[in-house]
């Protein structure tokens, strides 16, 4: 059962990300490059932490999502939003610094906590951009992320901070992004 949930969640990652990439390619969506770069560092940290802490098959959706996060980051370099701020650079530095606790303690839990905090903070540019320019984002990706993370939580082999925190944070933040994008687009 857990394997089936993980596979469905991974397929949701594909279903949510492929249209986002297509919309980016066509110029309808303009991803924020720093959000996606920080997201790829964070997802990589979370994925490795989950594997280290026994997430098992429940890490599959994160692995699939990480691959897309890297590709979207690469797309954002050509097709993305180009207004970069000092705070964007700060989020990148924090994401990289978040790896230090893991190297020091040999336990990924604190690094996952730092990474999730940085991930949430790194969404600020996307929230800011979505508030000002809602037409530059698609609620489909973020909505599918909510469902994907719910299924990912249910597919975990082990439940602890390192394996659950990221999905819980993403359910909350992606729900908020869908609300912002949808509300602003409706106006």
C-alpha atoms as a PDB file:
ATOM      1  CA  UNK A   1       0.000   0.000   0.000  1.00  0.00           C
ATOM      2  CA  UNK A   2       2.758   2.463   0.904  1.00  0.00           C
ATOM      3  CA  UNK A   3       4.533   1.729  -2.386  1.00  0.00           C
ATOM      4  CA  UNK A   4       1.340   2.477  -4.323  1.00  0.00           C
ATOM      5  CA  UNK A   5       0.903   5.782  -2.474  1.00  0.00           C
ATOM      6  CA  UNK A   6       4.524   6.707  -3.174  1.00  0.00           C
ATOM      7  CA  UNK A   7       4.122   5.898  -6.862  1.00  0.00           C
ATOM      8  CA  UNK A   8       0.913   7.946  -7.115  1.00  0.00           C
ATOM      9  CA  UNK A   9       2.647  10.839  -5.331  1.00  0.00           C
ATOM     10  CA  UNK A  10       5.615  10.569  -7.722  1.00  0.00           C
ATOM     11  CA  UNK A  11       3.221  10.577 -10.683  1.00  0.00           C
ATOM     12  CA  UNK A  12       1.597  13.709  -9.253  1.00  0.00           C
ATOM     13  CA  UNK A  13       5.054  15.304  -9.236  1.00  0.00           C
ATOM     14  CA  UNK A  14       5.314  14.505 -12.936  1.00  0.00           C
ATOM     15  CA  UNK A  15       1.736  15.638 -13.644  1.00  0.00           C
ATOM     16  CA  UNK A  16       2.247  18.935 -11.818  1.00  0.00           C
ATOM     17  CA  UNK A  17       5.699  19.723 -13.146  1.00  0.00           C
ATOM     18  CA  UNK A  18       5.372  18.845 -16.841  1.00  0.00           C
ATOM     19  CA  UNK A  19       2.661  21.494 -17.490  1.00  0.00           C
ATOM     20  CA  UNK A  20       4.714  23.995 -15.459  1.00  0.00           C
ATOM     21  CA  UNK A  21       7.731  23.323 -17.689  1.00  0.00           C
ATOM     22  CA  UNK A  22       5.550  23.638 -20.806  1.00  0.00           C
ATOM     23  CA  UNK A  23       4.096  26.932 -19.580  1.00  0.00           C
ATOM     24  CA  UNK A  24       7.596  28.164 -18.775  1.00  0.00           C
ATOM     25  CA  UNK A  25       8.831  27.174 -22.240  1.00  0.00           C
ATOM     26  CA  UNK A  26       5.925  29.090 -23.819  1.00  0.00           C
ATOM     27  CA  UNK A  27       6.602  32.165 -21.675  1.00  0.00           C
ATOM     28  CA  UNK A  28       3.319  31.984 -19.741  1.00  0.00           C
ATOM     29  CA  UNK A  29       5.047  31.225 -16.441  1.00  0.00           C
ATOM     30  CA  UNK A  30       8.227  32.909 -15.237  1.00  0.00           C
ATOM     31  CA  UNK A  31       9.827  30.932 -12.409  1.00  0.00           C
ATOM     32  CA  UNK A  32      12.033  32.764  -9.948  1.00  0.00           C
ATOM     33  CA  UNK A  33      15.541  31.285 -10.378  1.00  0.00           C
ATOM     34  CA  UNK A  34      16.680  31.766  -6.788  1.00  0.00           C
ATOM     35  CA  UNK A  35      13.567  30.077  -5.429  1.00  0.00           C
ATOM     36  CA  UNK A  36      14.201  27.054  -7.656  1.00  0.00           C
ATOM     37  CA  UNK A  37      17.961  26.928  -6.969  1.00  0.00           C
ATOM     38  CA  UNK A  38      17.404  27.112  -3.230  1.00  0.00           C
ATOM     39  CA  UNK A  39      14.580  24.597  -3.650  1.00  0.00           C
ATOM     40  CA  UNK A  40      16.910  22.154  -5.372  1.00  0.00           C
ATOM     41  CA  UNK A  41      19.479  22.439  -2.571  1.00  0.00           C
ATOM     42  CA  UNK A  42      16.751  22.048   0.028  1.00  0.00           C
ATOM     43  CA  UNK A  43      15.080  19.109  -1.743  1.00  0.00           C
ATOM     44  CA  UNK A  44      18.435  17.405  -2.109  1.00  0.00           C
ATOM     45  CA  UNK A  45      19.136  17.876   1.596  1.00  0.00           C
ATOM     46  CA  UNK A  46      15.662  16.648   2.535  1.00  0.00           C
ATOM     47  CA  UNK A  47      15.891  13.656   0.172  1.00  0.00           C
ATOM     48  CA  UNK A  48      19.258  12.545   1.538  1.00  0.00           C
ATOM     49  CA  UNK A  49      18.073  13.142   5.106  1.00  0.00           C
ATOM     50  CA  UNK A  50      14.924  11.103   4.487  1.00  0.00           C
ATOM     51  CA  UNK A  51      16.945   8.240   3.065  1.00  0.00           C
ATOM     52  CA  UNK A  52      19.349   8.381   6.014  1.00  0.00           C
ATOM     53  CA  UNK A  53      16.476   8.368   8.527  1.00  0.00           C
ATOM     54  CA  UNK A  54      14.556   5.458   7.000  1.00  0.00           C
ATOM     55  CA  UNK A  55      11.853   7.027   4.817  1.00  0.00           C
ATOM     56  CA  UNK A  56      12.131   4.126   2.388  1.00  0.00           C
ATOM     57  CA  UNK A  57       9.765   4.185  -0.582  1.00  0.00           C
ATOM     58  CA  UNK A  58       8.259   7.378   0.857  1.00  0.00           C
ATOM     59  CA  UNK A  59      11.285   9.252  -0.464  1.00  0.00           C
ATOM     60  CA  UNK A  60      10.404   8.428  -4.097  1.00  0.00           C
ATOM     61  CA  UNK A  61       8.122  11.475  -4.592  1.00  0.00           C
ATOM     62  CA  UNK A  62      10.854  13.757  -3.225  1.00  0.00           C
ATOM     63  CA  UNK A  63      13.400  12.206  -5.597  1.00  0.00           C
ATOM     64  CA  UNK A  64      11.139  12.744  -8.620  1.00  0.00           C
ATOM     65  CA  UNK A  65      10.343  16.264  -7.475  1.00  0.00           C
ATOM     66  CA  UNK A  66      14.046  17.011  -6.976  1.00  0.00           C
ATOM     67  CA  UNK A  67      14.759  16.079 -10.586  1.00  0.00           C
ATOM     68  CA  UNK A  68      12.068  18.487 -11.776  1.00  0.00           C
ATOM     69  CA  UNK A  69      13.239  21.207  -9.387  1.00  0.00           C
ATOM     70  CA  UNK A  70      16.672  21.094 -10.985  1.00  0.00           C
ATOM     71  CA  UNK A  71      15.192  21.196 -14.494  1.00  0.00           C
ATOM     72  CA  UNK A  72      12.880  24.107 -13.607  1.00  0.00           C
ATOM     73  CA  UNK A  73      15.846  25.961 -12.132  1.00  0.00           C
ATOM     74  CA  UNK A  74      17.709  25.482 -15.429  1.00  0.00           C
ATOM     75  CA  UNK A  75      14.643  26.672 -17.382  1.00  0.00           C
ATOM     76  CA  UNK A  76      14.364  29.703 -15.093  1.00  0.00           C
ATOM     77  CA  UNK A  77      17.834  30.847 -16.144  1.00  0.00           C
ATOM     78  CA  UNK A  78      16.556  31.378 -19.675  1.00  0.00           C
ATOM     79  CA  UNK A  79      12.818  31.927 -19.256  1.00  0.00           C
ATOM     80  CA  UNK A  80      12.448  33.052 -15.661  1.00  0.00           C
ATOM     81  CA  UNK A  81      11.827  36.161 -13.655  1.00  0.00           C
ATOM     82  CA  UNK A  82      14.959  38.319 -13.654  1.00  0.00           C
ATOM     83  CA  UNK A  83      14.476  40.715 -10.742  1.00  0.00           C
ATOM     84  CA  UNK A  84      16.922  39.382  -8.156  1.00  0.00           C
ATOM     85  CA  UNK A  85      17.260  40.963  -4.723  1.00  0.00           C
ATOM     86  CA  UNK A  86      19.835  40.778  -1.942  1.00  0.00           C
ATOM     87  CA  UNK A  87      17.433  38.674   0.104  1.00  0.00           C
ATOM     88  CA  UNK A  88      17.370  36.102  -2.723  1.00  0.00           C
ATOM     89  CA  UNK A  89      21.140  35.742  -2.385  1.00  0.00           C
ATOM     90  CA  UNK A  90      20.774  35.475   1.394  1.00  0.00           C
ATOM     91  CA  UNK A  91      18.371  32.531   1.016  1.00  0.00           C
ATOM     92  CA  UNK A  92      20.908  30.779  -1.191  1.00  0.00           C
ATOM     93  CA  UNK A  93      23.667  31.284   1.380  1.00  0.00           C
ATOM     94  CA  UNK A  94      21.379  29.995   4.149  1.00  0.00           C
ATOM     95  CA  UNK A  95      20.484  26.887   2.123  1.00  0.00           C
ATOM     96  CA  UNK A  96      24.154  26.080   1.683  1.00  0.00           C
ATOM     97  CA  UNK A  97      24.932  26.839   5.349  1.00  0.00           C
ATOM     98  CA  UNK A  98      22.128  24.481   6.355  1.00  0.00           C
ATOM     99  CA  UNK A  99      24.319  21.565   5.315  1.00  0.00           C
ATOM    100  CA  UNK A 100      26.895  22.351   8.007  1.00  0.00           C
ATOM    101  CA  UNK A 101      25.003  20.766  10.948  1.00  0.00           C
ATOM    102  CA  UNK A 102      24.845  17.455   9.092  1.00  0.00           C
ATOM    103  CA  UNK A 103      28.598  17.458   8.499  1.00  0.00           C
ATOM    104  CA  UNK A 104      29.252  18.357  12.137  1.00  0.00           C
ATOM    105  CA  UNK A 105      26.748  16.028  13.857  1.00  0.00           C
ATOM    106  CA  UNK A 106      26.553  13.200  11.275  1.00  0.00           C
ATOM    107  CA  UNK A 107      22.759  13.360  11.755  1.00  0.00           C
ATOM    108  CA  UNK A 108      20.584  14.967   9.057  1.00  0.00           C
ATOM    109  CA  UNK A 109      17.742  16.048  11.357  1.00  0.00           C
ATOM    110  CA  UNK A 110      19.003  19.551  12.161  1.00  0.00           C
ATOM    111  CA  UNK A 111      20.020  20.104   8.533  1.00  0.00           C
ATOM    112  CA  UNK A 112      16.530  19.077   7.416  1.00  0.00           C
ATOM    113  CA  UNK A 113      14.994  21.515   9.917  1.00  0.00           C
ATOM    114  CA  UNK A 114      17.275  24.303   8.661  1.00  0.00           C
ATOM    115  CA  UNK A 115      16.619  23.330   5.035  1.00  0.00           C
ATOM    116  CA  UNK A 116      12.846  23.397   5.510  1.00  0.00           C
ATOM    117  CA  UNK A 117      13.078  26.784   7.227  1.00  0.00           C
ATOM    118  CA  UNK A 118      15.191  28.105   4.372  1.00  0.00           C
ATOM    119  CA  UNK A 119      12.790  26.569   1.858  1.00  0.00           C
ATOM    120  CA  UNK A 120       9.894  28.400   3.448  1.00  0.00           C
ATOM    121  CA  UNK A 121      11.860  31.647   3.514  1.00  0.00           C
ATOM    122  CA  UNK A 122      13.000  31.145  -0.076  1.00  0.00           C
ATOM    123  CA  UNK A 123       9.380  31.073  -1.165  1.00  0.00           C
ATOM    124  CA  UNK A 124       9.119  34.747  -0.204  1.00  0.00           C
ATOM    125  CA  UNK A 125      10.290  35.874  -3.693  1.00  0.00           C
ATOM    126  CA  UNK A 126       7.697  33.608  -5.318  1.00  0.00           C
ATOM    127  CA  UNK A 127       4.964  34.863  -2.968  1.00  0.00           C
ATOM    128  CA  UNK A 128       6.037  38.464  -3.651  1.00  0.00           C
ATOM    129  CA  UNK A 129       6.097  37.897  -7.411  1.00  0.00           C
ATOM    130  CA  UNK A 130       2.792  35.997  -7.341  1.00  0.00           C
ATOM    131  CA  UNK A 131       1.141  38.779  -5.360  1.00  0.00           C
ATOM    132  CA  UNK A 132       2.299  41.470  -7.781  1.00  0.00           C
ATOM    133  CA  UNK A 133       2.179  39.422 -10.990  1.00  0.00           C
ATOM    134  CA  UNK A 134      -0.209  36.470 -10.460  1.00  0.00           C
ATOM    135  CA  UNK A 135      -0.272  35.768 -14.176  1.00  0.00           C
ATOM    136  CA  UNK A 136       3.389  34.668 -13.961  1.00  0.00           C
ATOM    137  CA  UNK A 137       2.531  31.560 -11.927  1.00  0.00           C
ATOM    138  CA  UNK A 138       0.270  28.565 -12.307  1.00  0.00           C
ATOM    139  CA  UNK A 139      -1.745  27.235  -9.372  1.00  0.00           C
ATOM    140  CA  UNK A 140      -1.724  23.745 -10.952  1.00  0.00           C
ATOM    141  CA  UNK A 141       1.826  22.946  -9.855  1.00  0.00           C
ATOM    142  CA  UNK A 142       1.329  24.175  -6.316  1.00  0.00           C
ATOM    143  CA  UNK A 143      -2.059  22.479  -5.986  1.00  0.00           C
ATOM    144  CA  UNK A 144      -0.672  19.152  -7.153  1.00  0.00           C
ATOM    145  CA  UNK A 145       2.181  19.623  -4.659  1.00  0.00           C
ATOM    146  CA  UNK A 146      -0.342  19.720  -1.821  1.00  0.00           C
ATOM    147  CA  UNK A 147      -1.877  16.394  -2.819  1.00  0.00           C
ATOM    148  CA  UNK A 148       1.554  14.904  -3.559  1.00  0.00           C
ATOM    149  CA  UNK A 149       2.871  15.767  -0.105  1.00  0.00           C
ATOM    150  CA  UNK A 150      -0.229  14.355   1.590  1.00  0.00           C
ATOM    151  CA  UNK A 151       0.323  11.066  -0.234  1.00  0.00           C
ATOM    152  CA  UNK A 152       4.067  11.192   0.427  1.00  0.00           C
ATOM    153  CA  UNK A 153       3.420  11.471   4.167  1.00  0.00           C
ATOM    154  CA  UNK A 154       1.151   8.447   4.020  1.00  0.00           C
ATOM    155  CA  UNK A 155       3.798   6.426   2.137  1.00  0.00           C
ATOM    156  CA  UNK A 156       6.656   6.901   4.593  1.00  0.00           C
ATOM    157  CA  UNK A 157       8.237   3.828   6.151  1.00  0.00           C
ATOM    158  CA  UNK A 158       9.382   5.794   9.219  1.00  0.00           C
ATOM    159  CA  UNK A 159       7.938   8.918  10.811  1.00  0.00           C
ATOM    160  CA  UNK A 160      10.294  11.413  12.422  1.00  0.00           C
ATOM    161  CA  UNK A 161      11.211  15.071  12.004  1.00  0.00           C
ATOM    162  CA  UNK A 162      13.610  14.392   9.130  1.00  0.00           C
ATOM    163  CA  UNK A 163      11.052  12.402   7.139  1.00  0.00           C
ATOM    164  CA  UNK A 164       7.864  14.441   7.771  1.00  0.00           C
ATOM    165  CA  UNK A 165       8.718  18.103   8.314  1.00  0.00           C
ATOM    166  CA  UNK A 166       9.254  19.013   4.662  1.00  0.00           C
ATOM    167  CA  UNK A 167       5.932  17.579   3.495  1.00  0.00           C
ATOM    168  CA  UNK A 168       4.020  19.276   6.307  1.00  0.00           C
ATOM    169  CA  UNK A 169       5.636  22.622   5.495  1.00  0.00           C
ATOM    170  CA  UNK A 170       4.982  22.185   1.767  1.00  0.00           C
ATOM    171  CA  UNK A 171       1.309  21.352   2.306  1.00  0.00           C
ATOM    172  CA  UNK A 172       0.856  24.616   4.205  1.00  0.00           C
ATOM    173  CA  UNK A 173       2.977  26.842   1.938  1.00  0.00           C
ATOM    174  CA  UNK A 174       1.683  25.452  -1.360  1.00  0.00           C
ATOM    175  CA  UNK A 175      -1.912  25.827  -0.181  1.00  0.00           C
ATOM    176  CA  UNK A 176      -1.139  29.473   0.602  1.00  0.00           C
ATOM    177  CA  UNK A 177       0.470  29.981  -2.827  1.00  0.00           C
ATOM    178  CA  UNK A 178      -2.567  28.541  -4.602  1.00  0.00           C
ATOM    179  CA  UNK A 179      -4.758  30.933  -2.609  1.00  0.00           C
ATOM    180  CA  UNK A 180      -2.599  33.968  -3.488  1.00  0.00           C
ATOM    181  CA  UNK A 181      -2.341  33.115  -7.196  1.00  0.00           C
ATOM    182  CA  UNK A 182      -6.025  32.238  -7.540  1.00  0.00           C
ATOM    183  CA  UNK A 183      -7.271  35.229  -5.558  1.00  0.00           C
ATOM    184  CA  UNK A 184      -5.145  37.697  -7.499  1.00  0.00           C
ATOM    185  CA  UNK A 185      -5.995  36.105 -10.873  1.00  0.00           C
ATOM    186  CA  UNK A 186      -9.713  36.283 -10.055  1.00  0.00           C
ATOM    187  CA  UNK A 187      -9.442  40.038  -9.750  1.00  0.00           C
END
